[in-house]
Every structure is written in structure tokens, then in C-alpha cells.
N, C-alpha and C. Protein backbone atom coordinates (compact mmCIF):
# COMPACT_ATOMS: atom_id res chain seq x y z
N UNK A 1 0.85 -1.18 0.00
CA UNK A 1 0.00 0.00 0.00
C UNK A 1 0.89 1.23 0.00
N UNK A 2 0.78 2.03 -1.03
CA UNK A 2 1.60 3.21 -1.17
C UNK A 2 0.82 4.43 -0.69
N UNK A 3 1.32 5.04 0.39
CA UNK A 3 0.64 6.20 0.95
C UNK A 3 1.53 7.43 0.93
N UNK A 4 2.83 7.26 0.77
CA UNK A 4 3.76 8.36 0.74
C UNK A 4 3.83 8.89 -0.69
N UNK A 5 3.78 10.21 -0.86
CA UNK A 5 3.81 10.75 -2.23
C UNK A 5 5.16 10.49 -2.90
N UNK A 6 6.15 10.02 -2.13
CA UNK A 6 7.44 9.65 -2.71
C UNK A 6 7.48 8.17 -3.08
N UNK A 7 6.35 7.49 -2.94
CA UNK A 7 6.25 6.09 -3.37
C UNK A 7 6.12 6.04 -4.88
N UNK A 8 6.86 5.17 -5.48
CA UNK A 8 6.75 4.93 -6.91
C UNK A 8 6.33 3.48 -7.07
N UNK A 9 5.34 3.25 -7.89
CA UNK A 9 4.92 1.87 -8.12
C UNK A 9 5.60 1.37 -9.39
N UNK A 10 5.88 0.11 -9.39
CA UNK A 10 6.46 -0.53 -10.57
C UNK A 10 5.91 -1.94 -10.62
N UNK A 11 5.34 -2.28 -11.75
CA UNK A 11 4.73 -3.60 -11.89
C UNK A 11 5.34 -4.38 -13.05
N UNK A 12 6.30 -3.76 -13.72
CA UNK A 12 6.92 -4.45 -14.85
C UNK A 12 8.38 -4.04 -14.97
N UNK A 13 9.10 -4.78 -15.75
CA UNK A 13 10.50 -4.45 -16.01
C UNK A 13 10.59 -3.06 -16.63
N UNK A 14 9.66 -2.74 -17.50
CA UNK A 14 9.68 -1.42 -18.15
C UNK A 14 9.54 -0.29 -17.12
N UNK A 15 8.69 -0.49 -16.11
CA UNK A 15 8.54 0.52 -15.06
C UNK A 15 9.86 0.75 -14.33
N UNK A 16 10.55 -0.34 -14.04
CA UNK A 16 11.83 -0.25 -13.32
C UNK A 16 12.87 0.44 -14.20
N UNK A 17 12.93 0.06 -15.46
CA UNK A 17 13.89 0.66 -16.38
C UNK A 17 13.61 2.16 -16.50
N UNK A 18 12.34 2.52 -16.58
CA UNK A 18 11.97 3.94 -16.66
C UNK A 18 12.47 4.69 -15.43
N UNK A 19 12.29 4.11 -14.25
CA UNK A 19 12.73 4.74 -13.01
C UNK A 19 14.26 4.85 -12.98
N UNK A 20 14.96 3.78 -13.35
CA UNK A 20 16.42 3.81 -13.36
C UNK A 20 16.95 4.82 -14.38
N UNK A 21 16.27 4.95 -15.50
CA UNK A 21 16.66 5.93 -16.51
C UNK A 21 16.52 7.35 -15.96
N UNK A 22 15.50 7.58 -15.16
CA UNK A 22 15.33 8.89 -14.52
C UNK A 22 16.49 9.19 -13.57
N UNK A 23 16.97 8.14 -12.86
CA UNK A 23 18.16 8.31 -12.02
C UNK A 23 19.36 8.65 -12.90
N UNK A 24 19.52 7.88 -13.95
CA UNK A 24 20.65 8.05 -14.87
C UNK A 24 20.67 9.46 -15.46
N UNK A 25 19.51 9.96 -15.82
CA UNK A 25 19.39 11.29 -16.44
C UNK A 25 19.30 12.41 -15.40
N UNK A 26 19.42 12.05 -14.12
CA UNK A 26 19.39 13.01 -13.01
C UNK A 26 18.06 13.78 -12.92
N UNK A 27 16.98 13.11 -13.32
CA UNK A 27 15.65 13.71 -13.19
C UNK A 27 15.08 13.47 -11.80
N UNK A 28 15.51 12.39 -11.16
CA UNK A 28 15.16 12.11 -9.77
C UNK A 28 16.41 11.60 -9.06
N UNK A 29 16.36 11.65 -7.72
CA UNK A 29 17.48 11.21 -6.90
C UNK A 29 16.95 10.24 -5.85
N UNK A 30 17.87 9.51 -5.23
CA UNK A 30 17.46 8.49 -4.26
C UNK A 30 16.53 9.05 -3.19
N UNK A 31 16.85 10.24 -2.71
CA UNK A 31 16.02 10.79 -1.63
C UNK A 31 14.66 11.30 -2.11
N UNK A 32 14.39 11.18 -3.43
CA UNK A 32 13.05 11.47 -3.94
C UNK A 32 12.12 10.29 -3.71
N UNK A 33 12.67 9.15 -3.29
CA UNK A 33 11.88 7.93 -3.08
C UNK A 33 11.63 7.70 -1.61
N UNK A 34 10.50 7.12 -1.30
CA UNK A 34 10.24 6.72 0.08
C UNK A 34 11.14 5.53 0.42
N UNK A 35 11.34 5.31 1.70
CA UNK A 35 12.16 4.16 2.12
C UNK A 35 11.54 2.85 1.65
N UNK A 36 10.22 2.79 1.69
CA UNK A 36 9.53 1.58 1.23
C UNK A 36 9.83 1.32 -0.24
N UNK A 37 9.78 2.36 -1.07
CA UNK A 37 10.06 2.19 -2.49
C UNK A 37 11.52 1.79 -2.70
N UNK A 38 12.43 2.43 -1.97
CA UNK A 38 13.86 2.09 -2.09
C UNK A 38 14.08 0.62 -1.78
N UNK A 39 13.48 0.15 -0.69
CA UNK A 39 13.67 -1.25 -0.31
C UNK A 39 13.02 -2.21 -1.31
N UNK A 40 11.80 -1.91 -1.72
CA UNK A 40 11.12 -2.78 -2.69
C UNK A 40 11.87 -2.82 -4.02
N UNK A 41 12.29 -1.67 -4.47
CA UNK A 41 13.00 -1.59 -5.74
C UNK A 41 14.34 -2.32 -5.65
N UNK A 42 15.04 -2.15 -4.56
CA UNK A 42 16.33 -2.83 -4.38
C UNK A 42 16.16 -4.34 -4.39
N UNK A 43 15.14 -4.84 -3.73
CA UNK A 43 14.88 -6.28 -3.74
C UNK A 43 14.57 -6.76 -5.16
N UNK A 44 13.78 -5.98 -5.88
CA UNK A 44 13.45 -6.34 -7.26
C UNK A 44 14.73 -6.39 -8.08
N UNK A 45 15.58 -5.37 -7.92
CA UNK A 45 16.82 -5.31 -8.69
C UNK A 45 17.74 -6.48 -8.37
N UNK A 46 17.84 -6.83 -7.10
CA UNK A 46 18.70 -7.97 -6.73
C UNK A 46 18.17 -9.27 -7.32
N UNK A 47 16.86 -9.40 -7.41
CA UNK A 47 16.27 -10.61 -7.99
C UNK A 47 16.36 -10.66 -9.51
N UNK A 48 16.64 -9.52 -10.12
CA UNK A 48 16.72 -9.44 -11.59
C UNK A 48 18.06 -8.86 -12.04
N UNK A 49 19.08 -9.09 -11.25
CA UNK A 49 20.39 -8.51 -11.51
C UNK A 49 20.96 -8.89 -12.87
N UNK A 50 20.62 -10.09 -13.35
CA UNK A 50 21.14 -10.54 -14.64
C UNK A 50 20.76 -9.61 -15.79
N UNK A 51 19.64 -8.90 -15.67
CA UNK A 51 19.25 -7.93 -16.71
C UNK A 51 20.28 -6.81 -16.86
N UNK A 52 21.00 -6.53 -15.77
CA UNK A 52 21.92 -5.41 -15.75
C UNK A 52 23.38 -5.83 -15.86
N UNK A 53 23.68 -7.03 -15.44
CA UNK A 53 25.07 -7.49 -15.53
C UNK A 53 25.35 -8.15 -16.87
N UNK A 54 24.41 -8.94 -17.36
CA UNK A 54 24.61 -9.67 -18.61
C UNK A 54 23.62 -9.28 -19.70
N UNK A 55 22.62 -8.50 -19.34
CA UNK A 55 21.53 -8.24 -20.27
C UNK A 55 21.62 -6.93 -21.00
N UNK A 56 20.51 -6.54 -21.54
CA UNK A 56 20.45 -5.37 -22.41
C UNK A 56 20.50 -4.05 -21.67
N UNK A 57 20.48 -4.08 -20.33
CA UNK A 57 20.46 -2.83 -19.57
C UNK A 57 21.78 -2.60 -18.82
N UNK A 58 22.89 -3.05 -19.39
CA UNK A 58 24.20 -2.87 -18.75
C UNK A 58 24.49 -1.40 -18.46
N UNK A 59 23.98 -0.52 -19.30
CA UNK A 59 24.23 0.91 -19.12
C UNK A 59 23.63 1.46 -17.83
N UNK A 60 22.73 0.70 -17.19
CA UNK A 60 22.10 1.16 -15.95
C UNK A 60 22.68 0.47 -14.71
N UNK A 61 23.75 -0.30 -14.90
CA UNK A 61 24.34 -1.05 -13.78
C UNK A 61 24.83 -0.11 -12.66
N UNK A 62 25.37 1.04 -13.01
CA UNK A 62 25.81 1.99 -11.97
C UNK A 62 24.64 2.48 -11.13
N UNK A 63 23.51 2.71 -11.77
CA UNK A 63 22.32 3.15 -11.03
C UNK A 63 21.81 2.03 -10.12
N UNK A 64 21.84 0.80 -10.62
CA UNK A 64 21.42 -0.35 -9.81
C UNK A 64 22.33 -0.47 -8.60
N UNK A 65 23.64 -0.41 -8.83
CA UNK A 65 24.60 -0.53 -7.74
C UNK A 65 24.41 0.59 -6.71
N UNK A 66 24.24 1.81 -7.20
CA UNK A 66 24.05 2.95 -6.29
C UNK A 66 22.79 2.83 -5.45
N UNK A 67 21.71 2.42 -6.08
CA UNK A 67 20.45 2.30 -5.36
C UNK A 67 20.51 1.18 -4.31
N UNK A 68 21.11 0.06 -4.67
CA UNK A 68 21.22 -1.05 -3.72
C UNK A 68 22.11 -0.66 -2.54
N UNK A 69 23.19 0.06 -2.82
CA UNK A 69 24.07 0.54 -1.73
C UNK A 69 23.31 1.53 -0.83
N UNK A 70 22.56 2.41 -1.45
CA UNK A 70 21.76 3.38 -0.69
C UNK A 70 20.75 2.65 0.19
N UNK A 71 20.08 1.66 -0.36
CA UNK A 71 19.09 0.89 0.41
C UNK A 71 19.76 0.17 1.56
N UNK A 72 20.93 -0.39 1.30
CA UNK A 72 21.66 -1.09 2.35
C UNK A 72 21.99 -0.13 3.49
N UNK A 73 22.41 1.07 3.15
CA UNK A 73 22.72 2.08 4.15
C UNK A 73 21.47 2.46 4.95
N UNK A 74 20.35 2.67 4.25
CA UNK A 74 19.09 3.01 4.90
C UNK A 74 18.62 1.88 5.81
N UNK A 75 18.77 0.64 5.33
CA UNK A 75 18.32 -0.50 6.12
C UNK A 75 19.13 -0.60 7.41
N UNK A 76 20.43 -0.35 7.33
CA UNK A 76 21.26 -0.40 8.54
C UNK A 76 20.78 0.64 9.54
N UNK A 77 20.44 1.83 9.03
CA UNK A 77 19.95 2.88 9.91
C UNK A 77 18.63 2.44 10.56
N UNK A 78 17.73 1.88 9.77
CA UNK A 78 16.45 1.42 10.31
C UNK A 78 16.66 0.30 11.31
N UNK A 79 17.61 -0.57 11.02
CA UNK A 79 17.91 -1.68 11.92
C UNK A 79 18.45 -1.16 13.25
N UNK A 80 19.32 -0.14 13.21
CA UNK A 80 19.84 0.45 14.44
C UNK A 80 18.72 1.10 15.25
N UNK A 81 17.81 1.79 14.56
CA UNK A 81 16.68 2.40 15.24
C UNK A 81 15.84 1.32 15.93
N UNK A 82 15.63 0.22 15.23
CA UNK A 82 14.84 -0.87 15.78
C UNK A 82 15.51 -1.45 17.03
N UNK A 83 16.82 -1.59 17.00
CA UNK A 83 17.55 -2.09 18.18
C UNK A 83 17.38 -1.16 19.37
N UNK A 84 17.49 0.15 19.11
CA UNK A 84 17.33 1.13 20.19
C UNK A 84 15.91 1.12 20.75
N UNK A 85 14.94 0.98 19.87
CA UNK A 85 13.54 0.94 20.31
C UNK A 85 13.32 -0.30 21.18
N UNK A 86 13.90 -1.42 20.81
CA UNK A 86 13.75 -2.65 21.60
C UNK A 86 14.40 -2.49 22.96
N UNK A 87 15.55 -1.80 23.03
CA UNK A 87 16.20 -1.55 24.32
C UNK A 87 15.29 -0.73 25.22
N UNK A 88 14.69 0.34 24.63
CA UNK A 88 13.79 1.19 25.43
C UNK A 88 12.59 0.40 25.92
N UNK A 89 12.04 -0.44 25.06
CA UNK A 89 10.88 -1.26 25.45
C UNK A 89 11.27 -2.23 26.56
N UNK A 90 12.47 -2.76 26.50
CA UNK A 90 12.95 -3.68 27.53
C UNK A 90 13.05 -2.96 28.87
N UNK A 91 13.56 -1.73 28.87
CA UNK A 91 13.66 -0.95 30.11
C UNK A 91 12.26 -0.67 30.65
N UNK A 92 11.35 -0.29 29.78
CA UNK A 92 9.97 -0.05 30.22
C UNK A 92 9.38 -1.31 30.87
N UNK A 93 9.62 -2.44 30.25
CA UNK A 93 9.08 -3.69 30.79
C UNK A 93 9.71 -4.02 32.14
N UNK A 94 10.98 -3.73 32.30
CA UNK A 94 11.64 -3.96 33.59
C UNK A 94 11.01 -3.09 34.68
N UNK A 95 10.68 -1.85 34.33
CA UNK A 95 10.03 -0.96 35.30
C UNK A 95 8.67 -1.53 35.71
N UNK A 96 7.88 -1.93 34.74
CA UNK A 96 6.56 -2.50 35.02
C UNK A 96 6.70 -3.76 35.86
N UNK A 97 7.62 -4.63 35.48
CA UNK A 97 7.81 -5.87 36.23
C UNK A 97 8.24 -5.58 37.67
N UNK A 98 9.13 -4.61 37.85
CA UNK A 98 9.58 -4.26 39.20
C UNK A 98 8.44 -3.74 40.05
N UNK A 99 7.61 -2.89 39.45
CA UNK A 99 6.50 -2.32 40.21
C UNK A 99 5.41 -3.35 40.48
N UNK A 100 5.21 -4.27 39.57
CA UNK A 100 4.13 -5.24 39.71
C UNK A 100 4.50 -6.49 40.48
N UNK A 101 5.74 -6.95 40.36
CA UNK A 101 6.04 -8.30 40.84
C UNK A 101 7.10 -8.40 41.92
N UNK A 102 7.90 -7.37 42.12
CA UNK A 102 8.95 -7.49 43.13
C UNK A 102 8.41 -7.07 44.48
N UNK A 103 8.39 -8.01 45.40
CA UNK A 103 7.88 -7.76 46.74
C UNK A 103 8.97 -8.04 47.76
N UNK A 104 9.10 -7.36 48.84
CA UNK A 104 8.45 -6.08 49.08
C UNK A 104 9.17 -4.99 48.31
N UNK A 105 8.45 -4.03 47.91
CA UNK A 105 9.03 -2.93 47.15
C UNK A 105 8.58 -1.63 47.78
N UNK A 106 9.54 -0.82 48.19
CA UNK A 106 9.22 0.41 48.92
C UNK A 106 8.73 1.54 48.04
N UNK A 107 9.00 1.46 46.75
CA UNK A 107 8.59 2.53 45.84
C UNK A 107 7.25 2.15 45.21
N UNK A 108 6.33 3.08 45.27
CA UNK A 108 5.01 2.86 44.69
C UNK A 108 4.96 3.43 43.27
N UNK A 109 4.11 2.86 42.42
CA UNK A 109 3.98 3.39 41.05
C UNK A 109 3.72 4.88 41.01
N UNK A 110 2.91 5.37 41.96
CA UNK A 110 2.60 6.80 42.01
C UNK A 110 3.88 7.63 42.22
N UNK A 111 4.81 7.10 43.03
CA UNK A 111 6.06 7.81 43.28
C UNK A 111 6.96 7.82 42.04
N UNK A 112 6.97 6.73 41.30
CA UNK A 112 7.74 6.67 40.06
C UNK A 112 7.21 7.69 39.07
N UNK A 113 5.90 7.75 38.96
CA UNK A 113 5.28 8.72 38.06
C UNK A 113 5.58 10.15 38.50
N UNK A 114 5.52 10.38 39.79
CA UNK A 114 5.82 11.71 40.31
C UNK A 114 7.27 12.09 40.00
N UNK A 115 8.21 11.15 40.18
CA UNK A 115 9.61 11.42 39.86
C UNK A 115 9.77 11.75 38.37
N UNK A 116 9.09 10.99 37.52
CA UNK A 116 9.17 11.24 36.08
C UNK A 116 8.65 12.64 35.73
N UNK A 117 7.54 13.01 36.31
CA UNK A 117 6.96 14.32 36.02
C UNK A 117 7.83 15.46 36.55
N UNK A 118 8.37 15.28 37.76
CA UNK A 118 9.27 16.30 38.32
C UNK A 118 10.54 16.41 37.48
N UNK A 119 11.07 15.29 37.05
CA UNK A 119 12.26 15.30 36.20
C UNK A 119 11.99 16.03 34.90
N UNK A 120 10.82 15.81 34.36
CA UNK A 120 10.45 16.48 33.12
C UNK A 120 10.33 17.99 33.34
N UNK A 121 9.73 18.36 34.45
CA UNK A 121 9.52 19.78 34.74
C UNK A 121 10.82 20.48 35.13
N UNK A 122 11.63 19.85 35.97
CA UNK A 122 12.86 20.46 36.48
C UNK A 122 14.02 20.33 35.49
N UNK A 123 13.95 19.34 34.62
CA UNK A 123 15.04 19.13 33.66
C UNK A 123 15.88 17.93 34.05
N UNK A 124 16.47 17.32 33.04
CA UNK A 124 17.24 16.10 33.27
C UNK A 124 18.47 16.37 34.13
N UNK A 125 19.11 17.53 33.98
CA UNK A 125 20.32 17.82 34.76
C UNK A 125 20.03 17.77 36.26
N UNK A 126 18.92 18.36 36.67
CA UNK A 126 18.54 18.36 38.09
C UNK A 126 18.25 16.93 38.56
N UNK A 127 17.52 16.18 37.75
CA UNK A 127 17.19 14.80 38.11
C UNK A 127 18.46 13.95 38.20
N UNK A 128 19.38 14.15 37.27
CA UNK A 128 20.62 13.38 37.27
C UNK A 128 21.45 13.68 38.52
N UNK A 129 21.52 14.95 38.91
CA UNK A 129 22.25 15.32 40.13
C UNK A 129 21.62 14.66 41.35
N UNK A 130 20.28 14.64 41.39
CA UNK A 130 19.57 14.01 42.50
C UNK A 130 19.89 12.51 42.55
N UNK A 131 19.87 11.86 41.41
CA UNK A 131 20.16 10.42 41.38
C UNK A 131 21.59 10.14 41.81
N UNK A 132 22.53 10.99 41.38
CA UNK A 132 23.92 10.81 41.80
C UNK A 132 24.05 10.97 43.32
N UNK A 133 23.36 11.97 43.89
CA UNK A 133 23.38 12.18 45.34
C UNK A 133 22.76 10.98 46.05
N UNK A 134 21.65 10.49 45.53
CA UNK A 134 20.97 9.34 46.12
C UNK A 134 21.86 8.10 46.08
N UNK A 135 22.60 7.94 45.00
CA UNK A 135 23.48 6.78 44.85
C UNK A 135 24.62 6.80 45.87
N UNK A 136 25.04 7.99 46.32
CA UNK A 136 26.12 8.12 47.29
C UNK A 136 25.66 7.83 48.72
N UNK A 137 24.36 7.87 48.94
CA UNK A 137 23.82 7.57 50.28
C UNK A 137 24.08 6.09 50.61
N UNK A 138 24.34 5.82 51.88
CA UNK A 138 24.55 4.40 52.24
C UNK A 138 23.26 3.60 52.11
N UNK A 139 23.42 2.34 51.75
CA UNK A 139 22.28 1.43 51.67
C UNK A 139 21.78 1.13 53.07
N UNK A 140 20.48 0.95 53.24
CA UNK A 140 19.96 0.61 54.57
C UNK A 140 20.43 -0.80 54.95
N UNK A 141 20.52 -1.05 56.22
CA UNK A 141 20.94 -2.40 56.64
C UNK A 141 19.88 -3.45 56.23
N UNK A 142 20.39 -4.60 55.86
CA UNK A 142 19.46 -5.68 55.48
C UNK A 142 18.81 -6.23 56.73
N UNK A 143 17.56 -6.59 56.59
CA UNK A 143 16.80 -7.10 57.74
C UNK A 143 16.94 -8.58 57.87
């Protein structure tokens, strides 16, 4: 489903050749395409590489190579974003698990929320200084 105005549809070899020719003639550039189009087109090109290495479209091989390299670069960026998002989700889940399942727990969910809101209002620098000061305090004796 193409919803981005930078999406280009291609349903035939001719459509792809037309798009690659536009790259070749500098009528469009990689960043004129949506990430979805870049990835779909790159997959299509990799599956039909023989058209450009041994076939009648050898003159477009540089465009194919450039687009596939660009897609690879974009995919790595998306993959890194996905890894970071998963890390954040893991931290969120640890917070929920700690509040829900670790007993006895002296901190209440309401206090965690209050700390988050105060940190947001006062700024991260103030919250960080408070956490550093709290970390220097001695631990209470174990019961």
C-alpha cells in the first residue's frame, strides 16, 4: 500500500527501467523515493540482476549498484533504530515488572510517576544530580 507521495509503483520491467533511466538522467534522486520504495525496488533489482550485468540494460548497472548501496545504508539505519527501540521497550518492561512483581518494594507506582513528572519539569540535569546524590547515600541495613 503506497501512501507516501514519494512512493513509486512498478509492476513491470519497463517501469523499473523507466525509473532507473530517470536516475541516470538526473531527473530524480534516491532521496526522492520513500524508504519503502527504495527497499522494494532494491529487492526487485537484486532478484533481476542478470538484466543489468549480462543483459540489455548494462548501461544502468551503476544506477542499480548505487540504489542497492543506498538501500543497504538506509536498512542499517532502520535496523539500528529498531535495536534502540527494543532496548527502550525492555527498560519499560523492567520498570513495570519491578512495580508489579517485586515484593516487598518500597517505591510505589505513584512515586515513580511523580519522579518522572518532576524530572520532566525540572530538567534532566537536576534529576541526574539528585540520582547521583541518592546513589552516594549508604544502603539501609538488610533485615
